[in-house]
C-alpha atoms as a PDB file:
ATOM      1  CA  MET A   1     160.821  25.448  43.758  1.00  0.00           C
ATOM      2  CA  LYS A   2     157.361  24.900  44.999  1.00  0.00           C
ATOM      3  CA  ARG A   3     154.958  27.585  44.362  1.00  0.00           C
ATOM      4  CA  VAL A   4     152.136  28.194  47.308  1.00  0.00           C
ATOM      5  CA  GLN A   5     148.967  27.917  46.224  1.00  0.00           C
ATOM      6  CA  PHE A   6     145.996  29.471  47.720  1.00  0.00           C
ATOM      7  CA  SER A   7     141.909  28.068  47.809  1.00  0.00           C
ATOM      8  CA  ARG A   8     140.841  31.706  46.992  1.00  0.00           C
ATOM      9  CA  PRO A   9     142.558  33.820  44.407  1.00  0.00           C
ATOM     10  CA  LEU A  10     141.475  36.677  46.010  1.00  0.00           C
ATOM     11  CA  PHE A  11     142.888  36.402  49.452  1.00  0.00           C
ATOM     12  CA  PRO A  12     146.724  37.232  48.214  1.00  0.00           C
ATOM     13  CA  TYR A  13     145.428  40.701  47.460  1.00  0.00           C
ATOM     14  CA  LEU A  14     143.282  41.076  49.807  1.00  0.00           C
ATOM     15  CA  LEU A  15     146.672  40.365  52.374  1.00  0.00           C
ATOM     16  CA  LEU A  16     148.333  42.948  50.267  1.00  0.00           C
ATOM     17  CA  ILE A  17     145.735  45.707  51.039  1.00  0.00           C
ATOM     18  CA  PRO A  18     146.448  46.860  54.205  1.00  0.00           C
ATOM     19  CA  GLN A  19     150.459  47.585  53.389  1.00  0.00           C
ATOM     20  CA  LEU A  20     149.670  48.986  50.118  1.00  0.00           C
ATOM     21  CA  SER A  21     147.201  51.709  51.717  1.00  0.00           C
ATOM     22  CA  ILE A  22     150.066  52.156  54.024  1.00  0.00           C
ATOM     23  CA  ILE A  23     152.463  53.182  51.264  1.00  0.00           C
ATOM     24  CA  MET A  24     149.749  54.750  49.065  1.00  0.00           C
ATOM     25  CA  LEU A  25     148.799  57.323  51.956  1.00  0.00           C
ATOM     26  CA  PHE A  26     152.153  58.321  53.339  1.00  0.00           C
ATOM     27  CA  PHE A  27     154.350  58.127  50.181  1.00  0.00           C
ATOM     28  CA  TYR A  28     152.613  58.379  46.650  1.00  0.00           C
ATOM     29  CA  TRP A  29     150.082  60.727  47.891  1.00  0.00           C
ATOM     30  CA  PRO A  30     152.352  63.247  49.382  1.00  0.00           C
ATOM     31  CA  ALA A  31     155.077  62.946  46.796  1.00  0.00           C
ATOM     32  CA  ALA A  32     152.429  63.009  44.020  1.00  0.00           C
ATOM     33  CA  GLU A  33     151.192  66.473  45.789  1.00  0.00           C
ATOM     34  CA  ALA A  34     154.397  68.006  46.247  1.00  0.00           C
ATOM     35  CA  ILE A  35     155.296  67.563  42.602  1.00  0.00           C
ATOM     36  CA  ARG A  36     151.920  69.084  41.518  1.00  0.00           C
ATOM     37  CA  SER A  37     152.571  72.097  44.709  1.00  0.00           C
ATOM     38  CA  SER A  38     156.203  72.561  42.779  1.00  0.00           C
ATOM     39  CA  PHE A  39     154.483  74.341  39.723  1.00  0.00           C
ATOM     40  CA  TYR A  40     152.287  76.573  41.642  1.00  0.00           C
ATOM     41  CA  LEU A  41     152.704  79.639  43.706  1.00  0.00           C
ATOM     42  CA  GLU A  42     150.752  78.530  46.458  1.00  0.00           C
ATOM     43  CA  ASP A  43     148.642  81.407  48.598  1.00  0.00           C
ATOM     44  CA  PRO A  44     150.366  80.640  52.368  1.00  0.00           C
ATOM     45  CA  PHE A  45     146.602  80.790  53.903  1.00  0.00           C
ATOM     46  CA  GLY A  46     145.085  78.737  51.357  1.00  0.00           C
ATOM     47  CA  PHE A  47     143.075  80.969  49.394  1.00  0.00           C
ATOM     48  CA  GLY A  48     144.376  79.778  45.998  1.00  0.00           C
ATOM     49  CA  SER A  49     147.578  78.925  43.824  1.00  0.00           C
ATOM     50  CA  THR A  50     149.156  79.927  40.491  1.00  0.00           C
ATOM     51  CA  PHE A  51     150.793  78.122  38.064  1.00  0.00           C
ATOM     52  CA  VAL A  52     154.186  79.058  37.335  1.00  0.00           C
ATOM     53  CA  GLY A  53     155.780  76.605  35.624  1.00  0.00           C
ATOM     54  CA  PHE A  54     159.319  75.522  36.385  1.00  0.00           C
ATOM     55  CA  ASP A  55     159.613  79.084  37.981  1.00  0.00           C
ATOM     56  CA  ASN A  56     160.116  77.384  41.535  1.00  0.00           C
ATOM     57  CA  TYR A  57     162.879  74.773  40.185  1.00  0.00           C
ATOM     58  CA  ARG A  58     164.692  77.657  38.362  1.00  0.00           C
ATOM     59  CA  ASP A  59     165.042  79.826  41.264  1.00  0.00           C
ATOM     60  CA  VAL A  60     166.180  77.089  43.551  1.00  0.00           C
ATOM     61  CA  VAL A  61     168.517  76.052  41.593  1.00  0.00           C
ATOM     62  CA  SER A  62     170.126  79.660  40.521  1.00  0.00           C
ATOM     63  CA  GLY A  63     170.342  80.629  43.985  1.00  0.00           C
ATOM     64  CA  SER A  64     173.775  80.298  45.535  1.00  0.00           C
ATOM     65  CA  GLU A  65     172.468  79.589  49.524  1.00  0.00           C
ATOM     66  CA  TYR A  66     171.261  76.247  47.904  1.00  0.00           C
ATOM     67  CA  GLY A  67     174.358  75.293  46.132  1.00  0.00           C
ATOM     68  CA  ASN A  68     175.938  76.160  49.515  1.00  0.00           C
ATOM     69  CA  ILE A  69     173.606  74.121  51.337  1.00  0.00           C
ATOM     70  CA  ALA A  70     173.993  71.196  48.639  1.00  0.00           C
ATOM     71  CA  GLN A  71     177.610  71.087  49.493  1.00  0.00           C
ATOM     72  CA  PHE A  72     177.588  71.036  52.752  1.00  0.00           C
ATOM     73  CA  THR A  73     174.798  68.621  52.884  1.00  0.00           C
ATOM     74  CA  LEU A  74     177.127  66.269  50.654  1.00  0.00           C
ATOM     75  CA  ILE A  75     180.096  66.981  52.851  1.00  0.00           C
ATOM     76  CA  PHE A  76     177.836  65.886  56.162  1.00  0.00           C
ATOM     77  CA  THR A  77     176.541  62.769  54.234  1.00  0.00           C
ATOM     78  CA  VAL A  78     180.048  61.256  53.562  1.00  0.00           C
ATOM     79  CA  LEU A  79     181.247  62.057  56.718  1.00  0.00           C
ATOM     80  CA  VAL A  80     179.038  60.776  58.971  1.00  0.00           C
ATOM     81  CA  ALA A  81     178.022  57.528  56.940  1.00  0.00           C
ATOM     82  CA  PHE A  82     182.071  56.991  56.724  1.00  0.00           C
ATOM     83  CA  PHE A  83     182.619  57.509  60.561  1.00  0.00           C
ATOM     84  CA  SER A  84     179.539  55.380  61.451  1.00  0.00           C
ATOM     85  CA  LEU A  85     180.343  52.397  59.696  1.00  0.00           C
ATOM     86  CA  ALA A  86     184.010  52.568  60.771  1.00  0.00           C
ATOM     87  CA  LEU A  87     183.546  52.790  64.380  1.00  0.00           C
ATOM     88  CA  ALA A  88     180.763  50.580  64.372  1.00  0.00           C
ATOM     89  CA  LEU A  89     182.953  47.726  62.766  1.00  0.00           C
ATOM     90  CA  LEU A  90     185.750  48.247  64.763  1.00  0.00           C
ATOM     91  CA  LEU A  91     183.380  48.090  68.083  1.00  0.00           C
ATOM     92  CA  ALA A  92     181.653  44.552  66.417  1.00  0.00           C
ATOM     93  CA  VAL A  93     185.315  43.099  65.596  1.00  0.00           C
ATOM     94  CA  LYS A  94     186.157  44.250  69.111  1.00  0.00           C
ATOM     95  CA  ALA A  95     182.923  42.582  70.579  1.00  0.00           C
ATOM     96  CA  ASP A  96     183.335  39.708  68.652  1.00  0.00           C
ATOM     97  CA  ASN A  97     186.878  38.995  70.140  1.00  0.00           C
ATOM     98  CA  ILE A  98     185.784  39.332  73.802  1.00  0.00           C
ATOM     99  CA  ILE A  99     184.921  36.086  75.920  1.00  0.00           C
ATOM    100  CA  ARG A 100     184.011  38.071  79.225  1.00  0.00           C
ATOM    101  CA  GLY A 101     181.632  39.825  79.837  1.00  0.00           C
ATOM    102  CA  ALA A 102     180.599  40.161  75.916  1.00  0.00           C
ATOM    103  CA  LYS A 103     176.571  40.736  76.530  1.00  0.00           C
ATOM    104  CA  SER A 104     177.062  43.583  79.061  1.00  0.00           C
ATOM    105  CA  TYR A 105     179.227  45.285  76.199  1.00  0.00           C
ATOM    106  CA  ARG A 106     176.743  44.789  73.446  1.00  0.00           C
ATOM    107  CA  ILE A 107     174.078  45.851  75.629  1.00  0.00           C
ATOM    108  CA  PHE A 108     175.867  49.220  76.562  1.00  0.00           C
ATOM    109  CA  LEU A 109     176.416  49.490  72.873  1.00  0.00           C
ATOM    110  CA  MET A 110     172.887  48.929  71.621  1.00  0.00           C
ATOM    111  CA  TRP A 111     171.204  51.733  74.416  1.00  0.00           C
ATOM    112  CA  VAL A 112     172.323  54.562  72.458  1.00  0.00           C
ATOM    113  CA  TYR A 113     169.661  53.176  69.218  1.00  0.00           C
ATOM    114  CA  ALA A 114     166.601  53.531  71.573  1.00  0.00           C
ATOM    115  CA  ILE A 115     167.176  57.577  72.356  1.00  0.00           C
ATOM    116  CA  ALA A 116     165.612  59.317  69.309  1.00  0.00           C
ATOM    117  CA  PRO A 117     167.112  61.669  66.994  1.00  0.00           C
ATOM    118  CA  PRO A 118     165.865  64.896  68.904  1.00  0.00           C
ATOM    119  CA  VAL A 119     166.415  63.194  72.318  1.00  0.00           C
ATOM    120  CA  ALA A 120     170.097  62.743  71.058  1.00  0.00           C
ATOM    121  CA  GLY A 121     170.506  66.515  69.826  1.00  0.00           C
ATOM    122  CA  LEU A 122     169.206  67.595  73.346  1.00  0.00           C
ATOM    123  CA  MET A 123     171.836  65.591  75.320  1.00  0.00           C
ATOM    124  CA  GLY A 124     174.444  66.674  72.527  1.00  0.00           C
ATOM    125  CA  ILE A 125     173.568  70.061  73.473  1.00  0.00           C
ATOM    126  CA  LEU A 126     174.409  69.164  77.053  1.00  0.00           C
ATOM    127  CA  LEU A 127     178.240  67.627  76.299  1.00  0.00           C
ATOM    128  CA  PHE A 128     178.323  70.709  73.658  1.00  0.00           C
ATOM    129  CA  ASP A 129     177.069  73.342  76.509  1.00  0.00           C
ATOM    130  CA  GLN A 130     179.557  76.683  76.683  1.00  0.00           C
ATOM    131  CA  SER A 131     179.843  76.652  80.173  1.00  0.00           C
ATOM    132  CA  LEU A 132     179.415  73.190  81.316  1.00  0.00           C
ATOM    133  CA  GLY A 133     179.962  70.882  78.351  1.00  0.00           C
ATOM    134  CA  PRO A 134     182.779  68.357  79.083  1.00  0.00           C
ATOM    135  CA  LEU A 135     183.882  68.113  75.099  1.00  0.00           C
ATOM    136  CA  THR A 136     183.515  71.681  74.908  1.00  0.00           C
ATOM    137  CA  HIS A 137     186.121  71.595  78.282  1.00  0.00           C
ATOM    138  CA  LEU A 138     188.196  68.784  76.604  1.00  0.00           C
ATOM    139  CA  ALA A 139     188.232  70.695  73.354  1.00  0.00           C
ATOM    140  CA  GLY A 140     189.681  73.607  74.870  1.00  0.00           C
ATOM    141  CA  PHE A 141     192.446  71.475  76.967  1.00  0.00           C
ATOM    142  CA  PHE A 142     193.653  71.199  73.355  1.00  0.00           C
ATOM    143  CA  GLY A 143     193.196  74.955  72.750  1.00  0.00           C
ATOM    144  CA  TRP A 144     190.231  74.828  70.701  1.00  0.00           C
ATOM    145  CA  ASP A 145     187.752  77.220  71.713  1.00  0.00           C
ATOM    146  CA  LEU A 146     184.292  75.827  70.807  1.00  0.00           C
ATOM    147  CA  LYS A 147     181.561  78.340  69.819  1.00  0.00           C
ATOM    148  CA  ILE A 148     178.412  75.939  69.117  1.00  0.00           C
ATOM    149  CA  GLY A 149     175.542  78.066  67.137  1.00  0.00           C
ATOM    150  CA  VAL A 150     178.460  80.655  66.930  1.00  0.00           C
ATOM    151  CA  ASP A 151     181.238  79.709  64.785  1.00  0.00           C
ATOM    152  CA  TYR A 152     179.892  77.184  61.504  1.00  0.00           C
ATOM    153  CA  TRP A 153     182.289  74.709  61.644  1.00  0.00           C
ATOM    154  CA  ASP A 154     182.457  74.259  65.006  1.00  0.00           C
ATOM    155  CA  THR A 155     178.523  73.594  64.647  1.00  0.00           C
ATOM    156  CA  ALA A 156     178.766  71.091  61.912  1.00  0.00           C
ATOM    157  CA  THR A 157     181.599  69.106  63.916  1.00  0.00           C
ATOM    158  CA  ALA A 158     179.146  69.014  66.543  1.00  0.00           C
ATOM    159  CA  ILE A 159     176.346  67.966  64.670  1.00  0.00           C
ATOM    160  CA  ILE A 160     178.295  65.340  62.787  1.00  0.00           C
ATOM    161  CA  MET A 161     179.525  63.882  66.453  1.00  0.00           C
ATOM    162  CA  ILE A 162     176.338  63.510  67.760  1.00  0.00           C
ATOM    163  CA  SER A 163     174.483  62.246  64.274  1.00  0.00           C
ATOM    164  CA  VAL A 164     177.742  59.527  64.298  1.00  0.00           C
ATOM    165  CA  TRP A 165     176.957  58.627  67.984  1.00  0.00           C
ATOM    166  CA  LYS A 166     173.541  58.104  67.344  1.00  0.00           C
ATOM    167  CA  GLN A 167     173.911  55.827  64.422  1.00  0.00           C
ATOM    168  CA  ILE A 168     176.328  53.859  65.499  1.00  0.00           C
ATOM    169  CA  PRO A 169     174.414  51.075  67.703  1.00  0.00           C
ATOM    170  CA  ILE A 170     172.413  50.009  64.717  1.00  0.00           C
ATOM    171  CA  ASN A 171     175.663  49.297  62.490  1.00  0.00           C
ATOM    172  CA  PHE A 172     177.131  47.676  65.214  1.00  0.00           C
ATOM    173  CA  ILE A 173     174.395  45.377  65.776  1.00  0.00           C
ATOM    174  CA  PHE A 174     174.417  44.341  61.795  1.00  0.00           C
ATOM    175  CA  PHE A 175     177.981  44.102  61.842  1.00  0.00           C
ATOM    176  CA  LEU A 176     178.618  41.744  65.430  1.00  0.00           C
ATOM    177  CA  ALA A 177     175.295  39.602  63.386  1.00  0.00           C
ATOM    178  CA  GLY A 178     177.264  39.271  60.141  1.00  0.00           C
ATOM    179  CA  LEU A 179     180.430  38.499  62.177  1.00  0.00           C
ATOM    180  CA  GLN A 180     179.399  36.025  64.165  1.00  0.00           C
ATOM    181  CA  SER A 181     177.289  34.355  61.256  1.00  0.00           C
ATOM    182  CA  ILE A 182     180.983  33.586  59.443  1.00  0.00           C
ATOM    183  CA  PRO A 183     181.725  29.557  59.996  1.00  0.00           C
ATOM    184  CA  ARG A 184     184.388  28.847  62.444  1.00  0.00           C
ATOM    185  CA  SER A 185     185.866  26.595  59.705  1.00  0.00           C
ATOM    186  CA  VAL A 186     186.510  29.498  57.960  1.00  0.00           C
ATOM    187  CA  ARG A 187     187.817  31.581  60.566  1.00  0.00           C
ATOM    188  CA  GLU A 188     189.870  28.842  61.577  1.00  0.00           C
ATOM    189  CA  ALA A 189     191.368  27.883  58.131  1.00  0.00           C
ATOM    190  CA  ALA A 190     192.105  31.995  57.519  1.00  0.00           C
ATOM    191  CA  ILE A 191     194.447  31.718  60.831  1.00  0.00           C
ATOM    192  CA  ILE A 192     195.989  28.946  59.285  1.00  0.00           C
ATOM    193  CA  ASP A 193     196.751  30.795  56.124  1.00  0.00           C
ATOM    194  CA  ASP A 194     197.389  34.158  57.348  1.00  0.00           C
ATOM    195  CA  PRO A 195     198.893  34.699  60.636  1.00  0.00           C
ATOM    196  CA  SER A 196     198.163  38.366  60.525  1.00  0.00           C
ATOM    197  CA  SER A 197     195.124  39.306  62.146  1.00  0.00           C
ATOM    198  CA  VAL A 198     194.744  42.929  60.087  1.00  0.00           C
ATOM    199  CA  SER A 199     195.822  41.212  56.899  1.00  0.00           C
ATOM    200  CA  ARG A 200     193.620  38.435  57.680  1.00  0.00           C
ATOM    201  CA  PHE A 201     190.631  40.836  58.119  1.00  0.00           C
ATOM    202  CA  PHE A 202     190.819  42.692  54.884  1.00  0.00           C
ATOM    203  CA  SER A 203     191.830  39.676  52.623  1.00  0.00           C
ATOM    204  CA  ILE A 204     189.125  37.123  54.136  1.00  0.00           C
ATOM    205  CA  THR A 205     186.644  38.757  56.710  1.00  0.00           C
ATOM    206  CA  PHE A 206     185.975  42.053  55.224  1.00  0.00           C
ATOM    207  CA  PRO A 207     185.089  40.731  51.702  1.00  0.00           C
ATOM    208  CA  LEU A 208     182.322  38.240  53.896  1.00  0.00           C
ATOM    209  CA  LEU A 209     180.652  41.300  55.321  1.00  0.00           C
ATOM    210  CA  ALA A 210     180.371  43.000  52.053  1.00  0.00           C
ATOM    211  CA  PRO A 211     176.462  42.231  51.676  1.00  0.00           C
ATOM    212  CA  THR A 212     175.939  43.787  55.013  1.00  0.00           C
ATOM    213  CA  GLY A 213     178.135  46.974  54.662  1.00  0.00           C
ATOM    214  CA  PHE A 214     176.358  47.078  51.571  1.00  0.00           C
ATOM    215  CA  PHE A 215     173.058  47.182  53.020  1.00  0.00           C
ATOM    216  CA  LEU A 216     174.397  49.406  55.964  1.00  0.00           C
ATOM    217  CA  LEU A 217     175.504  51.782  53.303  1.00  0.00           C
ATOM    218  CA  ILE A 218     172.313  52.472  52.059  1.00  0.00           C
ATOM    219  CA  ILE A 219     170.811  52.829  55.386  1.00  0.00           C
ATOM    220  CA  ASN A 220     173.322  55.296  56.509  1.00  0.00           C
ATOM    221  CA  ILE A 221     173.078  57.486  53.541  1.00  0.00           C
ATOM    222  CA  THR A 222     169.435  57.717  54.132  1.00  0.00           C
ATOM    223  CA  TYR A 223     170.061  58.760  57.472  1.00  0.00           C
ATOM    224  CA  ALA A 224     172.634  61.401  57.330  1.00  0.00           C
ATOM    225  CA  LEU A 225     169.932  62.680  54.430  1.00  0.00           C
ATOM    226  CA  PHE A 226     166.650  62.727  56.386  1.00  0.00           C
ATOM    227  CA  ASP A 227     166.706  61.308  59.699  1.00  0.00           C
ATOM    228  CA  THR A 228     169.343  63.869  60.925  1.00  0.00           C
ATOM    229  CA  PHE A 229     166.432  66.481  60.847  1.00  0.00           C
ATOM    230  CA  GLY A 230     165.778  66.228  64.585  1.00  0.00           C
ATOM    231  CA  ILE A 231     169.074  66.578  65.734  1.00  0.00           C
ATOM    232  CA  ILE A 232     169.742  69.595  63.582  1.00  0.00           C
ATOM    233  CA  ASP A 233     166.368  71.192  64.622  1.00  0.00           C
ATOM    234  CA  ILE A 234     167.699  70.955  68.520  1.00  0.00           C
ATOM    235  CA  VAL A 235     171.383  72.035  68.162  1.00  0.00           C
ATOM    236  CA  LEU A 236     170.205  75.090  66.328  1.00  0.00           C
ATOM    237  CA  LYS A 237     167.522  75.533  68.395  1.00  0.00           C
ATOM    238  CA  GLY A 238     165.055  76.865  65.436  1.00  0.00           C
ATOM    239  CA  GLU A 239     167.131  79.368  64.652  1.00  0.00           C
ATOM    240  CA  PRO A 240     170.097  78.544  62.014  1.00  0.00           C
ATOM    241  CA  GLY A 241     171.109  82.219  61.398  1.00  0.00           C
ATOM    242  CA  ASN A 242     174.511  81.574  59.717  1.00  0.00           C
ATOM    243  CA  ASN A 243     175.008  77.861  60.992  1.00  0.00           C
ATOM    244  CA  PRO A 244     174.912  74.828  58.547  1.00  0.00           C
ATOM    245  CA  ILE A 245     172.042  73.106  57.865  1.00  0.00           C
ATOM    246  CA  THR A 246     171.518  70.300  55.419  1.00  0.00           C
ATOM    247  CA  LEU A 247     168.743  70.047  52.389  1.00  0.00           C
ATOM    248  CA  VAL A 248     165.638  68.613  53.786  1.00  0.00           C
ATOM    249  CA  TYR A 249     166.548  71.018  56.828  1.00  0.00           C
ATOM    250  CA  LYS A 250     165.730  73.771  53.861  1.00  0.00           C
ATOM    251  CA  VAL A 251     162.588  72.477  53.144  1.00  0.00           C
ATOM    252  CA  PHE A 252     161.525  72.632  56.279  1.00  0.00           C
ATOM    253  CA  LEU A 253     162.509  75.950  56.616  1.00  0.00           C
ATOM    254  CA  ASP A 254     161.175  77.277  53.684  1.00  0.00           C
ATOM    255  CA  GLY A 255     157.881  75.797  53.750  1.00  0.00           C
ATOM    256  CA  PHE A 256     156.634  76.142  57.529  1.00  0.00           C
ATOM    257  CA  ARG A 257     158.701  79.179  58.047  1.00  0.00           C
ATOM    258  CA  GLY A 258     158.968  80.998  54.784  1.00  0.00           C
ATOM    259  CA  ASN A 259     155.209  80.211  53.539  1.00  0.00           C
ATOM    260  CA  ASP A 260     157.019  79.268  50.228  1.00  0.00           C
ATOM    261  CA  LEU A 261     154.831  76.315  49.579  1.00  0.00           C
ATOM    262  CA  GLY A 262     155.906  76.338  45.948  1.00  0.00           C
ATOM    263  CA  GLY A 263     159.391  76.673  46.895  1.00  0.00           C
ATOM    264  CA  SER A 264     159.492  73.959  49.056  1.00  0.00           C
ATOM    265  CA  SER A 265     157.926  71.522  47.283  1.00  0.00           C
ATOM    266  CA  ALA A 266     160.291  71.836  44.553  1.00  0.00           C
ATOM    267  CA  GLN A 267     162.768  71.347  46.864  1.00  0.00           C
ATOM    268  CA  SER A 268     161.448  68.098  48.079  1.00  0.00           C
ATOM    269  CA  VAL A 269     160.906  66.951  44.668  1.00  0.00           C
ATOM    270  CA  ILE A 270     164.899  67.852  43.802  1.00  0.00           C
ATOM    271  CA  LEU A 271     165.667  66.194  47.007  1.00  0.00           C
ATOM    272  CA  MET A 272     163.480  63.191  46.027  1.00  0.00           C
ATOM    273  CA  VAL A 273     165.321  62.896  42.586  1.00  0.00           C
ATOM    274  CA  LEU A 274     168.781  62.767  43.679  1.00  0.00           C
ATOM    275  CA  VAL A 275     167.925  59.946  46.456  1.00  0.00           C
ATOM    276  CA  LEU A 276     166.996  58.207  43.649  1.00  0.00           C
ATOM    277  CA  VAL A 277     169.472  58.679  41.303  1.00  0.00           C
ATOM    278  CA  LEU A 278     172.154  58.058  44.066  1.00  0.00           C
ATOM    279  CA  THR A 279     169.745  54.150  45.261  1.00  0.00           C
ATOM    280  CA  VAL A 280     170.085  53.499  41.443  1.00  0.00           C
ATOM    281  CA  PHE A 281     173.763  54.312  41.395  1.00  0.00           C
ATOM    282  CA  GLN A 282     174.426  52.207  43.767  1.00  0.00           C
ATOM    283  CA  PHE A 283     172.575  49.203  43.151  1.00  0.00           C
ATOM    284  CA  ARG A 284     173.730  49.028  39.604  1.00  0.00           C
ATOM    285  CA  PHE A 285     177.449  49.942  40.236  1.00  0.00           C
ATOM    286  CA  MET A 286     178.724  49.301  43.459  1.00  0.00           C
ATOM    287  CA  GLU A 287     176.587  45.877  44.188  1.00  0.00           C
ATOM    288  CA  ARG A 288     178.700  44.372  41.376  1.00  0.00           C
ATOM    289  CA  ARG A 289     181.626  44.625  44.046  1.00  0.00           C
ATOM    290  CA  VAL A 290     179.457  42.442  46.746  1.00  0.00           C
ATOM    291  CA  HIS A 291     179.641  39.003  46.489  1.00  0.00           C
ATOM    292  CA  TYR A 292     176.916  37.011  48.183  1.00  0.00           C
ATOM    293  CA  ASN A 293     178.279  33.810  48.287  1.00  0.00           C
END
């Protein structure tokens, strides 16, 4: 493999400075400040701070409310990631088999990705409106009295459905690209070896999509943990009450609503460590089952 040579040795570092500056400004500096604040009891008006050591962490971990929120966050993340990936894969397989009108089908599915999470949450509120929402009327037809913002699990169902709907297009794009990258000769040989389309999909097509699926799994877990903040905030209308919230939303509530800067910083550090551990686990154990060749 031929190495790229630069006539000026400092030129590569100059090219890296803008990107490294952005990473330092928007990631490392806030992360370091959050770690520092987590060991202090901050005055909400910025007049001073008191070093309290690990008291903020002990208060967070010992609280039953935090445990319940962490449990819901786990359930929420698993459901959003699973249904987003499963439905997107199903739609990608169907789109890959369409001959006429394929472009229109793909465009309609991709449009949703251009919608920001708060806008998706606003559209979800309209769909689940108590008096005019079509999804509420559909649920009522089957005897389910949906009460968004009042009943805990009804609200959780709405948030999960909106979050899944918002994430399907990006998964669909990647899965469709992965399906279309499979050589035609491999598909023809698979048809000869196995006439069953279902068996052929799980034994041949799905393993070939493993690298794409692994990448999307990480993206969807990150999305469920962090990027659904706008959806949750709009659906709850800024007043969570007894409704379900995720860990990242609790950081916002305690930090910006409760003015507990030290406690919210401790929560953000805990969440950062959990995501780091989860990412390492995925790459160390799950990637072994992924074959790139």
